[in-house]
Structure formats: C-alpha cells, structure tokens
PDB file of N, CA and C in Angstrom:
ATOM      1  N   PRO A   1     148.220  26.167-214.121  1.00  0.00           N
ATOM      2  CA  PRO A   1     149.233  27.229-214.082  1.00  0.00           C
ATOM      3  C   PRO A   1     149.924  27.382-215.459  1.00  0.00           C
ATOM      4  N   ARG A   2     150.429  28.549-215.667  1.00  0.00           N
ATOM      5  CA  ARG A   2     151.117  28.790-216.924  1.00  0.00           C
ATOM      6  C   ARG A   2     152.508  28.109-216.909  1.00  0.00           C
ATOM      7  N   ASN A   3     153.020  27.878-218.118  1.00  0.00           N
ATOM      8  CA  ASN A   3     154.350  27.342-218.279  1.00  0.00           C
ATOM      9  C   ASN A   3     154.545  25.968-217.685  1.00  0.00           C
ATOM     10  N   ILE A   4     153.481  25.205-217.522  1.00  0.00           N
ATOM     11  CA  ILE A   4     153.549  23.847-216.993  1.00  0.00           C
ATOM     12  C   ILE A   4     153.164  22.919-218.126  1.00  0.00           C
ATOM     13  N   ALA A   5     153.871  21.806-218.272  1.00  0.00           N
ATOM     14  CA  ALA A   5     153.545  20.863-219.315  1.00  0.00           C
ATOM     15  C   ALA A   5     152.075  20.416-219.158  1.00  0.00           C
ATOM     16  N   ASP A   6     151.407  20.293-220.285  1.00  0.00           N
ATOM     17  CA  ASP A   6     150.018  19.857-220.367  1.00  0.00           C
ATOM     18  C   ASP A   6     149.044  20.891-219.768  1.00  0.00           C
ATOM     19  N   SER A   7     149.464  22.119-219.511  1.00  0.00           N
ATOM     20  CA  SER A   7     148.492  23.098-219.010  1.00  0.00           C
ATOM     21  C   SER A   7     147.591  23.508-220.226  1.00  0.00           C
ATOM     22  N   THR A   8     146.425  23.973-219.876  1.00  0.00           N
ATOM     23  CA  THR A   8     145.473  24.403-220.879  1.00  0.00           C
ATOM     24  C   THR A   8     145.597  25.903-221.114  1.00  0.00           C
ATOM     25  N   PRO A   9     145.945  26.311-222.360  1.00  0.00           N
ATOM     26  CA  PRO A   9     146.050  27.746-222.628  1.00  0.00           C
ATOM     27  C   PRO A   9     144.683  28.402-222.524  1.00  0.00           C
ATOM     28  N   GLY A  10     144.708  29.669-222.199  1.00  0.00           N
ATOM     29  CA  GLY A  10     143.439  30.407-222.193  1.00  0.00           C
ATOM     30  C   GLY A  10     143.665  31.858-221.781  1.00  0.00           C
ATOM     31  N   THR A  11     142.580  32.534-221.543  1.00  0.00           N
ATOM     32  CA  THR A  11     142.643  33.917-221.153  1.00  0.00           C
ATOM     33  C   THR A  11     142.764  34.051-219.648  1.00  0.00           C
ATOM     34  N   LEU A  12     143.608  34.936-219.228  1.00  0.00           N
ATOM     35  CA  LEU A  12     143.756  35.135-217.765  1.00  0.00           C
ATOM     36  C   LEU A  12     142.572  35.973-217.220  1.00  0.00           C
ATOM     37  N   ASP A  13     142.220  35.740-216.010  1.00  0.00           N
ATOM     38  CA  ASP A  13     141.091  36.465-215.395  1.00  0.00           C
ATOM     39  C   ASP A  13     141.271  37.946-215.418  1.00  0.00           C
ATOM     40  N   GLY A  14     142.496  38.434-215.166  1.00  0.00           N
ATOM     41  CA  GLY A  14     142.770  39.861-215.188  1.00  0.00           C
ATOM     42  C   GLY A  14     142.482  40.502-216.517  1.00  0.00           C
ATOM     43  N   ALA A  15     142.811  39.742-217.608  1.00  0.00           N
ATOM     44  CA  ALA A  15     142.533  40.261-218.954  1.00  0.00           C
ATOM     45  C   ALA A  15     141.059  40.410-219.203  1.00  0.00           C
ATOM     46  N   VAL A  16     140.297  39.410-218.765  1.00  0.00           N
ATOM     47  CA  VAL A  16     138.827  39.496-218.915  1.00  0.00           C
ATOM     48  C   VAL A  16     138.247  40.678-218.124  1.00  0.00           C
ATOM     49  N   LEU A  17     138.734  40.854-216.900  1.00  0.00           N
ATOM     50  CA  LEU A  17     138.279  42.013-216.123  1.00  0.00           C
ATOM     51  C   LEU A  17     138.626  43.321-216.790  1.00  0.00           C
ATOM     52  N   SER A  18     139.820  43.399-217.355  1.00  0.00           N
ATOM     53  CA  SER A  18     140.257  44.599-218.051  1.00  0.00           C
ATOM     54  C   SER A  18     139.334  44.960-219.222  1.00  0.00           C
ATOM     55  N   VAL A  19     138.937  43.949-219.948  1.00  0.00           N
ATOM     56  CA  VAL A  19     138.003  44.157-221.085  1.00  0.00           C
ATOM     57  C   VAL A  19     136.680  44.679-220.535  1.00  0.00           C
ATOM     58  N   LEU A  20     136.156  44.053-219.480  1.00  0.00           N
ATOM     59  CA  LEU A  20     134.873  44.529-218.907  1.00  0.00           C
ATOM     60  C   LEU A  20     134.992  45.922-218.367  1.00  0.00           C
ATOM     61  N   ILE A  21     136.100  46.244-217.720  1.00  0.00           N
ATOM     62  CA  ILE A  21     136.296  47.615-217.216  1.00  0.00           C
ATOM     63  C   ILE A  21     136.249  48.619-218.379  1.00  0.00           C
ATOM     64  N   HIS A  22     136.945  48.296-219.446  1.00  0.00           N
ATOM     65  CA  HIS A  22     136.903  49.181-220.602  1.00  0.00           C
ATOM     66  C   HIS A  22     135.492  49.349-221.146  1.00  0.00           C
ATOM     67  N   ARG A  23     134.774  48.234-221.237  1.00  0.00           N
ATOM     68  CA  ARG A  23     133.413  48.299-221.766  1.00  0.00           C
ATOM     69  C   ARG A  23     132.527  49.212-220.901  1.00  0.00           C
ATOM     70  N   TYR A  24     132.608  49.074-219.586  1.00  0.00           N
ATOM     71  CA  TYR A  24     131.752  49.918-218.728  1.00  0.00           C
ATOM     72  C   TYR A  24     132.227  51.315-218.667  1.00  0.00           C
ATOM     73  N   GLU A  25     133.545  51.594-218.830  1.00  0.00           N
ATOM     74  CA  GLU A  25     134.038  52.946-218.958  1.00  0.00           C
ATOM     75  C   GLU A  25     133.430  53.601-220.192  1.00  0.00           C
ATOM     76  N   CYS A  26     133.363  52.864-221.279  1.00  0.00           N
ATOM     77  CA  CYS A  26     132.753  53.407-222.509  1.00  0.00           C
ATOM     78  C   CYS A  26     131.299  53.690-222.310  1.00  0.00           C
ATOM     79  N   PHE A  27     130.577  52.780-221.602  1.00  0.00           N
ATOM     80  CA  PHE A  27     129.177  53.077-221.280  1.00  0.00           C
ATOM     81  C   PHE A  27     129.049  54.370-220.506  1.00  0.00           C
ATOM     82  N   GLN A  28     129.915  54.529-219.516  1.00  0.00           N
ATOM     83  CA  GLN A  28     129.840  55.708-218.678  1.00  0.00           C
ATOM     84  C   GLN A  28     130.190  56.981-219.411  1.00  0.00           C
ATOM     85  N   ALA A  29     130.939  56.862-220.477  1.00  0.00           N
ATOM     86  CA  ALA A  29     131.327  58.054-221.276  1.00  0.00           C
ATOM     87  C   ALA A  29     130.269  58.449-222.283  1.00  0.00           C
ATOM     88  N   GLY A  30     129.245  57.659-222.400  1.00  0.00           N
ATOM     89  CA  GLY A  30     128.202  57.894-223.439  1.00  0.00           C
ATOM     90  C   GLY A  30     126.833  58.031-222.827  1.00  0.00           C
ATOM     91  N   PRO A  31     125.811  57.810-223.662  1.00  0.00           N
ATOM     92  CA  PRO A  31     124.411  58.011-223.217  1.00  0.00           C
ATOM     93  C   PRO A  31     123.906  56.949-222.237  1.00  0.00           C
ATOM     94  N   PHE A  32     124.720  55.910-221.986  1.00  0.00           N
ATOM     95  CA  PHE A  32     124.235  54.788-221.092  1.00  0.00           C
ATOM     96  C   PHE A  32     124.807  54.917-219.693  1.00  0.00           C
ATOM     97  N   ALA A  33     125.391  56.079-219.357  1.00  0.00           N
ATOM     98  CA  ALA A  33     125.945  56.255-217.999  1.00  0.00           C
ATOM     99  C   ALA A  33     124.846  56.192-216.982  1.00  0.00           C
ATOM    100  N   CYS A  34     125.146  55.512-215.878  1.00  0.00           N
ATOM    101  CA  CYS A  34     124.166  55.462-214.790  1.00  0.00           C
ATOM    102  C   CYS A  34     124.895  54.980-213.519  1.00  0.00           C
ATOM    103  N   ALA A  35     124.197  55.104-212.396  1.00  0.00           N
ATOM    104  CA  ALA A  35     124.771  54.739-211.108  1.00  0.00           C
ATOM    105  C   ALA A  35     125.059  53.235-211.046  1.00  0.00           C
ATOM    106  N   GLU A  36     124.224  52.449-211.652  1.00  0.00           N
ATOM    107  CA  GLU A  36     124.490  50.989-211.641  1.00  0.00           C
ATOM    108  C   GLU A  36     125.769  50.652-212.365  1.00  0.00           C
ATOM    109  N   ASN A  37     126.028  51.250-213.511  1.00  0.00           N
ATOM    110  CA  ASN A  37     127.258  51.006-214.234  1.00  0.00           C
ATOM    111  C   ASN A  37     128.459  51.440-213.421  1.00  0.00           C
ATOM    112  N   GLU A  38     128.341  52.552-212.717  1.00  0.00           N
ATOM    113  CA  GLU A  38     129.413  53.002-211.871  1.00  0.00           C
ATOM    114  C   GLU A  38     129.713  52.022-210.769  1.00  0.00           C
ATOM    115  N   ALA A  39     128.676  51.431-210.222  1.00  0.00           N
ATOM    116  CA  ALA A  39     128.864  50.429-209.155  1.00  0.00           C
ATOM    117  C   ALA A  39     129.554  49.166-209.711  1.00  0.00           C
ATOM    118  N   VAL A  40     129.165  48.796-210.937  1.00  0.00           N
ATOM    119  CA  VAL A  40     129.825  47.652-211.615  1.00  0.00           C
ATOM    120  C   VAL A  40     131.312  47.979-211.782  1.00  0.00           C
ATOM    121  N   LEU A  41     131.627  49.154-212.265  1.00  0.00           N
ATOM    122  CA  LEU A  41     133.006  49.564-212.462  1.00  0.00           C
ATOM    123  C   LEU A  41     133.782  49.488-211.162  1.00  0.00           C
ATOM    124  N   GLU A  42     133.181  49.979-210.076  1.00  0.00           N
ATOM    125  CA  GLU A  42     133.853  49.975-208.770  1.00  0.00           C
ATOM    126  C   GLU A  42     134.230  48.527-208.391  1.00  0.00           C
ATOM    127  N   HIS A  43     133.324  47.622-208.568  1.00  0.00           N
ATOM    128  CA  HIS A  43     133.553  46.243-208.163  1.00  0.00           C
ATOM    129  C   HIS A  43     134.545  45.529-209.082  1.00  0.00           C
ATOM    130  N   LEU A  44     134.431  45.811-210.407  1.00  0.00           N
ATOM    131  CA  LEU A  44     135.389  45.220-211.340  1.00  0.00           C
ATOM    132  C   LEU A  44     136.802  45.690-211.039  1.00  0.00           C
ATOM    133  N   ARG A  45     136.961  46.971-210.778  1.00  0.00           N
ATOM    134  CA  ARG A  45     138.277  47.510-210.429  1.00  0.00           C
ATOM    135  C   ARG A  45     138.803  46.896-209.174  1.00  0.00           C
ATOM    136  N   ALA A  46     137.945  46.697-208.165  1.00  0.00           N
ATOM    137  CA  ALA A  46     138.391  46.082-206.921  1.00  0.00           C
ATOM    138  C   ALA A  46     138.810  44.623-207.178  1.00  0.00           C
ATOM    139  N   ALA A  47     138.050  43.939-207.977  1.00  0.00           N
ATOM    140  CA  ALA A  47     138.400  42.561-208.309  1.00  0.00           C
ATOM    141  C   ALA A  47     139.748  42.454-209.020  1.00  0.00           C
ATOM    142  N   LEU A  48     139.982  43.356-209.987  1.00  0.00           N
ATOM    143  CA  LEU A  48     141.272  43.368-210.704  1.00  0.00           C
ATOM    144  C   LEU A  48     142.393  43.720-209.723  1.00  0.00           C
ATOM    145  N   ALA A  49     142.181  44.674-208.853  1.00  0.00           N
ATOM    146  CA  ALA A  49     143.217  45.006-207.886  1.00  0.00           C
ATOM    147  C   ALA A  49     143.570  43.839-206.994  1.00  0.00           C
ATOM    148  N   ALA A  50     142.559  43.082-206.568  1.00  0.00           N
ATOM    149  CA  ALA A  50     142.789  41.885-205.734  1.00  0.00           C
ATOM    150  C   ALA A  50     143.615  40.831-206.505  1.00  0.00           C
ATOM    151  N   ILE A  51     143.260  40.615-207.787  1.00  0.00           N
ATOM    152  CA  ILE A  51     144.000  39.635-208.572  1.00  0.00           C
ATOM    153  C   ILE A  51     145.446  40.062-208.731  1.00  0.00           C
ATOM    154  N   LEU A  52     145.670  41.366-209.021  1.00  0.00           N
ATOM    155  CA  LEU A  52     147.027  41.854-209.164  1.00  0.00           C
ATOM    156  C   LEU A  52     147.823  41.779-207.866  1.00  0.00           C
ATOM    157  N   ALA A  53     147.173  42.073-206.795  1.00  0.00           N
ATOM    158  CA  ALA A  53     147.861  41.989-205.477  1.00  0.00           C
ATOM    159  C   ALA A  53     148.262  40.549-205.169  1.00  0.00           C
ATOM    160  N   ARG A  54     147.346  39.616-205.461  1.00  0.00           N
ATOM    161  CA  ARG A  54     147.663  38.185-205.235  1.00  0.00           C
ATOM    162  C   ARG A  54     148.846  37.763-206.120  1.00  0.00           C
ATOM    163  N   ALA A  55     148.833  38.162-207.387  1.00  0.00           N
ATOM    164  CA  ALA A  55     149.913  37.798-208.299  1.00  0.00           C
ATOM    165  C   ALA A  55     151.248  38.370-207.812  1.00  0.00           C
ATOM    166  N   LYS A  56     151.209  39.624-207.373  1.00  0.00           N
ATOM    167  CA  LYS A  56     152.449  40.259-206.876  1.00  0.00           C
ATOM    168  C   LYS A  56     152.968  39.508-205.650  1.00  0.00           C
ATOM    169  N   GLU A  57     152.088  39.140-204.748  1.00  0.00           N
ATOM    170  CA  GLU A  57     152.494  38.426-203.552  1.00  0.00           C
ATOM    171  C   GLU A  57     153.067  37.054-203.936  1.00  0.00           C
ATOM    172  N   ARG A  58     152.418  36.341-204.831  1.00  0.00           N
ATOM    173  CA  ARG A  58     152.893  35.047-205.266  1.00  0.00           C
ATOM    174  C   ARG A  58     154.240  35.153-206.021  1.00  0.00           C
ATOM    175  N   ALA A  59     154.377  36.199-206.817  1.00  0.00           N
ATOM    176  CA  ALA A  59     155.639  36.397-207.500  1.00  0.00           C
ATOM    177  C   ALA A  59     156.745  36.671-206.519  1.00  0.00           C
ATOM    178  N   GLY A  60     156.467  37.411-205.489  1.00  0.00           N
ATOM    179  CA  GLY A  60     157.425  37.715-204.437  1.00  0.00           C
ATOM    180  C   GLY A  60     157.920  36.442-203.721  1.00  0.00           C
ATOM    181  N   ARG A  61     157.039  35.463-203.653  1.00  0.00           N
ATOM    182  CA  ARG A  61     157.375  34.210-202.977  1.00  0.00           C
ATOM    183  C   ARG A  61     157.946  33.191-203.988  1.00  0.00           C
ATOM    184  N   GLY A  62     157.952  33.586-205.269  1.00  0.00           N
ATOM    185  CA  GLY A  62     158.523  32.679-206.293  1.00  0.00           C
ATOM    186  C   GLY A  62     157.594  31.487-206.653  1.00  0.00           C
ATOM    187  N   VAL A  63     156.342  31.636-206.388  1.00  0.00           N
ATOM    188  CA  VAL A  63     155.352  30.537-206.725  1.00  0.00           C
ATOM    189  C   VAL A  63     154.350  30.913-207.769  1.00  0.00           C
ATOM    190  N   LEU A  64     154.443  32.102-208.336  1.00  0.00           N
ATOM    191  CA  LEU A  64     153.488  32.519-209.379  1.00  0.00           C
ATOM    192  C   LEU A  64     153.664  31.570-210.569  1.00  0.00           C
ATOM    193  N   GLY A  65     152.536  31.104-211.097  1.00  0.00           N
ATOM    194  CA  GLY A  65     152.540  30.202-212.234  1.00  0.00           C
ATOM    195  C   GLY A  65     152.806  28.736-211.876  1.00  0.00           C
ATOM    196  N   THR A  66     152.638  28.437-210.592  1.00  0.00           N
ATOM    197  CA  THR A  66     152.793  27.037-210.154  1.00  0.00           C
ATOM    198  C   THR A  66     151.581  26.625-209.348  1.00  0.00           C
ATOM    199  N   ASN A  67     151.510  25.368-208.989  1.00  0.00           N
ATOM    200  CA  ASN A  67     150.425  24.851-208.125  1.00  0.00           C
ATOM    201  C   ASN A  67     150.782  24.907-206.632  1.00  0.00           C
ATOM    202  N   THR A  68     151.819  25.626-206.327  1.00  0.00           N
ATOM    203  CA  THR A  68     152.290  25.756-204.960  1.00  0.00           C
ATOM    204  C   THR A  68     151.469  26.789-204.199  1.00  0.00           C
ATOM    205  N   LYS A  69     151.080  26.470-202.972  1.00  0.00           N
ATOM    206  CA  LYS A  69     150.325  27.483-202.143  1.00  0.00           C
ATOM    207  C   LYS A  69     151.277  28.540-201.637  1.00  0.00           C
TER     208      LYS A  69
END
C-alpha cells in the first residue's frame, strides 16, 4: 500500500492501463485501426473502470492505501 513505511514505490495499475488505452486509441486513429484493437480498448476501459470503482469504494470506507480488507 501507499504511504506505509517500507512500501515499495512503483507505478499504479490504473496508470499503466491509462497508458495502454492511449496507445490503442492512437492505433485506432491511424492506419492500424481494426476490430481487434477496438476489443482491446473495450476491455482495457472496463478494467480501468473496475479499478477506479474499487478505489472509490475503499476510499469511502477509509481503507484506501492500507492492507485492510
């Protein structure tokens, strides 16, 4: 978790998904557009939405950034 002593810094999963979403949006805006890329985008967006929903729910309970369930 973030902000915990001895935690390992790194990139958050949502940030990685956002980079991938941007990459596939660029593919879709150019000569590499295809149905498969659109399917990838759909699933990446769904994954990001799930991560954000989980974070919002955990923040609402006051346990975001902790090892508490």
